N, C-alpha and C. Protein backbone atom coordinates (compact mmCIF):
# COMPACT_ATOMS: atom_id res chain seq x y z
N MET A 1 0.94 -1.40 0.19
CA MET A 1 0.15 0.14 -0.15
C MET A 1 0.89 1.12 0.04
N LYS A 2 0.28 1.85 -0.99
CA LYS A 2 1.49 3.46 -0.68
C LYS A 2 0.71 4.74 -0.07
N GLN A 3 1.57 5.00 0.65
CA GLN A 3 1.51 5.94 1.46
C GLN A 3 1.83 7.70 1.01
N SER A 4 1.09 8.50 1.65
CA SER A 4 1.56 10.17 1.22
C SER A 4 2.32 10.28 2.53
N TYR A 5 3.51 11.00 2.40
CA TYR A 5 4.06 11.90 3.47
C TYR A 5 4.21 13.49 3.23
N THR A 6 4.17 13.96 4.27
CA THR A 6 4.21 15.39 3.74
C THR A 6 6.12 16.06 3.94
N VAL A 7 6.22 16.80 2.69
CA VAL A 7 7.54 17.37 2.71
C VAL A 7 7.52 18.96 2.55
N VAL A 8 8.23 19.16 3.95
CA VAL A 8 8.28 20.70 4.19
C VAL A 8 9.38 21.27 3.55
N LEU A 9 9.44 22.11 2.20
CA LEU A 9 10.47 22.86 1.51
C LEU A 9 10.83 24.17 2.01
N HIS A 10 11.94 24.42 2.35
CA HIS A 10 12.45 25.69 2.63
C HIS A 10 13.66 26.33 1.99
N ARG A 11 14.10 27.39 1.82
CA ARG A 11 15.57 28.00 1.22
C ARG A 11 16.11 28.29 2.48
N ALA A 12 17.07 27.65 2.50
CA ALA A 12 18.24 27.97 3.73
C ALA A 12 18.74 29.00 3.28
N GLU A 13 19.51 29.91 4.45
CA GLU A 13 20.06 30.91 4.35
C GLU A 13 21.44 31.01 3.01
N HIS A 14 22.16 29.81 3.40
CA HIS A 14 23.37 29.49 2.09
C HIS A 14 22.32 29.10 0.91
N GLY A 15 21.48 29.26 0.34
CA GLY A 15 20.70 28.96 -0.68
C GLY A 15 20.54 28.00 -1.32
N TRP A 16 20.57 26.72 -0.45
CA TRP A 16 20.42 25.53 -0.62
C TRP A 16 18.76 25.00 -0.05
N TRP A 17 18.08 24.18 -0.85
CA TRP A 17 16.76 23.55 -0.56
C TRP A 17 16.76 22.73 0.53
N VAL A 18 16.18 23.19 1.89
CA VAL A 18 15.94 22.06 2.75
C VAL A 18 14.92 21.10 2.50
N ALA A 19 14.79 20.03 2.70
CA ALA A 19 13.01 19.23 2.50
C ALA A 19 13.05 18.41 3.97
N ASN A 20 12.25 18.88 4.69
CA ASN A 20 12.02 17.82 5.83
C ASN A 20 10.72 17.12 5.86
N VAL A 21 10.75 15.74 6.28
CA VAL A 21 10.03 15.11 6.26
C VAL A 21 9.78 14.72 7.94
N PRO A 22 8.63 15.27 8.40
CA PRO A 22 8.23 15.45 9.79
C PRO A 22 8.22 14.13 10.64
N VAL A 23 7.49 13.66 10.24
CA VAL A 23 6.41 12.29 10.85
C VAL A 23 7.98 11.17 10.86
N LEU A 24 8.81 11.42 9.86
CA LEU A 24 10.21 10.43 9.79
C LEU A 24 11.08 10.89 10.54
N HIS A 25 11.19 12.22 11.31
CA HIS A 25 12.45 13.19 11.51
C HIS A 25 13.43 12.92 10.27
N ALA A 26 13.12 13.38 9.31
CA ALA A 26 14.27 13.12 8.23
C ALA A 26 14.42 14.57 7.32
N THR A 27 15.53 14.54 7.09
CA THR A 27 15.50 15.94 6.43
C THR A 27 17.09 15.61 5.15
N ALA A 28 16.71 16.40 3.97
CA ALA A 28 17.50 16.36 2.49
C ALA A 28 17.54 17.53 2.57
N GLN A 29 18.92 17.59 1.58
CA GLN A 29 18.85 19.12 1.08
C GLN A 29 19.76 19.12 -0.20
N ALA A 30 19.67 20.08 -0.89
CA ALA A 30 20.12 20.11 -2.25
C ALA A 30 20.02 21.43 -2.80
N ARG A 31 21.20 21.72 -3.60
CA ARG A 31 21.33 23.00 -4.44
C ARG A 31 19.69 23.44 -5.01
N THR A 32 19.24 22.54 -5.73
CA THR A 32 17.89 22.71 -6.70
C THR A 32 16.40 22.41 -5.53
N ARG A 33 15.60 22.90 -5.80
CA ARG A 33 14.09 22.07 -5.14
C ARG A 33 13.76 21.20 -5.56
N SER A 34 13.81 20.70 -7.15
CA SER A 34 13.55 19.47 -7.61
C SER A 34 14.57 18.43 -7.04
N THR A 35 15.88 18.62 -7.45
CA THR A 35 17.16 17.44 -6.36
C THR A 35 16.28 17.12 -4.99
N ALA A 36 16.39 18.77 -4.51
CA ALA A 36 15.78 18.45 -2.77
C ALA A 36 14.30 17.34 -2.39
N LEU A 37 13.89 17.70 -3.80
CA LEU A 37 12.47 16.85 -3.65
C LEU A 37 13.03 15.22 -3.67
N LYS A 38 13.66 15.14 -4.63
CA LYS A 38 13.81 13.81 -5.11
C LYS A 38 14.72 12.84 -3.98
N ARG A 39 15.33 13.63 -3.84
CA ARG A 39 16.46 13.09 -2.27
C ARG A 39 15.45 13.12 -1.02
N ALA A 40 14.32 13.81 -1.37
CA ALA A 40 13.40 13.51 0.04
C ALA A 40 12.29 12.65 -0.19
N LYS A 41 11.89 11.94 -1.66
CA LYS A 41 11.56 10.35 -2.10
C LYS A 41 12.05 9.20 -1.73
N SER A 42 13.30 9.46 -1.86
CA SER A 42 14.53 8.77 -1.53
C SER A 42 14.64 7.94 -0.62
N LEU A 43 14.64 9.10 0.69
CA LEU A 43 15.14 8.87 1.91
C LEU A 43 13.90 8.62 2.70
N ILE A 44 12.27 9.18 2.21
CA ILE A 44 11.52 8.14 2.61
C ILE A 44 11.68 6.85 2.14
N GLN A 45 11.84 6.26 1.09
CA GLN A 45 11.71 4.99 0.60
C GLN A 45 12.88 4.44 1.52
N PHE A 46 13.94 5.05 1.68
CA PHE A 46 15.12 4.23 2.34
C PHE A 46 14.25 4.30 3.94
N ALA A 47 13.59 4.93 4.55
CA ALA A 47 13.53 5.11 5.95
C ALA A 47 12.02 3.72 5.78
N LEU A 48 11.03 3.66 5.15
CA LEU A 48 10.08 2.79 5.32
C LEU A 48 10.88 1.46 5.33
N GLU A 49 11.89 1.12 3.87
CA GLU A 49 12.38 0.17 4.09
C GLU A 49 13.00 -0.40 5.22
N THR A 50 13.86 0.26 5.63
CA THR A 50 14.58 0.30 7.00
C THR A 50 13.22 -0.32 7.97
N ILE A 51 12.38 0.35 8.34
CA ILE A 51 11.38 0.27 9.43
C ILE A 51 11.11 -1.20 9.19
N GLN A 52 10.65 -1.46 7.92
CA GLN A 52 9.92 -2.62 7.39
C GLN A 52 10.85 -4.06 7.77
N SER A 53 12.25 -3.69 7.22
CA SER A 53 13.26 -4.76 7.89
C SER A 53 13.31 -5.10 9.43
N GLU A 54 12.78 -4.34 9.65
CA GLU A 54 12.80 -4.71 11.60
C GLU A 54 11.92 -4.81 12.20
N GLY A 55 10.61 -4.85 10.98
CA GLY A 55 9.88 -5.59 11.38
C GLY A 55 8.60 -4.78 12.22
N ALA A 56 8.71 -3.51 11.89
CA ALA A 56 7.85 -2.85 12.43
C ALA A 56 6.77 -2.06 11.80
N LYS A 57 5.92 -1.26 11.80
CA LYS A 57 5.22 -0.56 11.18
C LYS A 57 5.83 0.62 10.66
N PRO A 58 5.33 0.87 9.52
CA PRO A 58 5.49 2.30 9.09
C PRO A 58 4.58 3.27 9.81
N PRO A 59 5.45 4.51 10.26
CA PRO A 59 4.52 5.75 10.71
C PRO A 59 2.91 6.18 9.96
N VAL A 60 2.40 6.02 10.25
CA VAL A 60 1.04 7.22 9.68
C VAL A 60 1.03 8.18 9.56
N GLU A 61 0.97 9.27 8.87
CA GLU A 61 0.88 10.70 9.37
C GLU A 61 -0.06 11.24 9.59
N ASN A 62 -0.66 12.00 10.82
CA ASN A 62 -1.68 12.12 10.74
C ASN A 62 -1.97 13.63 10.64
N ARG A 63 -2.64 14.14 9.71
CA ARG A 63 -2.47 15.13 8.76
C ARG A 63 -3.26 16.36 10.23
N SER A 64 -3.83 15.75 10.45
CA SER A 64 -4.81 16.83 11.41
C SER A 64 -3.97 17.15 12.75
N SER A 65 -2.46 16.64 12.97
CA SER A 65 -1.85 17.31 13.72
C SER A 65 -0.79 17.68 13.11
N LEU A 66 -0.57 18.26 12.21
CA LEU A 66 0.26 18.91 11.08
C LEU A 66 -0.06 20.64 10.82
N GLU A 67 0.74 21.32 11.06
CA GLU A 67 0.20 22.61 11.08
C GLU A 67 1.42 23.59 10.72
N VAL A 68 1.25 24.43 9.65
CA VAL A 68 1.98 25.22 9.65
C VAL A 68 1.90 26.95 10.02
N VAL A 69 3.12 27.61 11.07
CA VAL A 69 2.67 28.44 11.19
C VAL A 69 3.55 29.65 11.22
N ARG A 70 3.04 30.89 10.72
CA ARG A 70 4.40 31.82 10.66
C ARG A 70 3.84 32.82 11.78
N VAL A 71 5.14 32.87 12.32
CA VAL A 71 5.18 33.69 13.53
C VAL A 71 6.45 35.00 13.01
N ARG A 72 5.64 36.21 13.45
CA ARG A 72 6.71 37.40 13.38
C ARG A 72 7.77 37.63 14.63
N ALA A 73 8.39 38.23 14.27
CA ALA A 73 9.91 38.46 15.80
C ALA A 73 10.18 39.81 15.38
N ALA A 74 10.18 40.44 16.33
CA ALA A 74 10.86 41.90 16.09
C ALA A 74 12.36 41.51 16.23
N VAL A 75 13.30 42.14 15.50
CA VAL A 75 14.50 41.96 15.93
C VAL A 75 15.32 43.11 15.83
């Protein structure tokens, strides 16, 4: 069964793209957005294969617990 996982992308100060997979506590990065997404997908596949090989169940993402919030801060 295929699962979908949320990937949060942002551009870091050094210019690279960072792709976070919150439910797996995993991060990939690359110079381009598309490469960061490809690496995140590979990372997800690797993590799921590793979890399965250890006899554990893959995590199920609870989208209702995922929230993206912008916070302003004075500098």
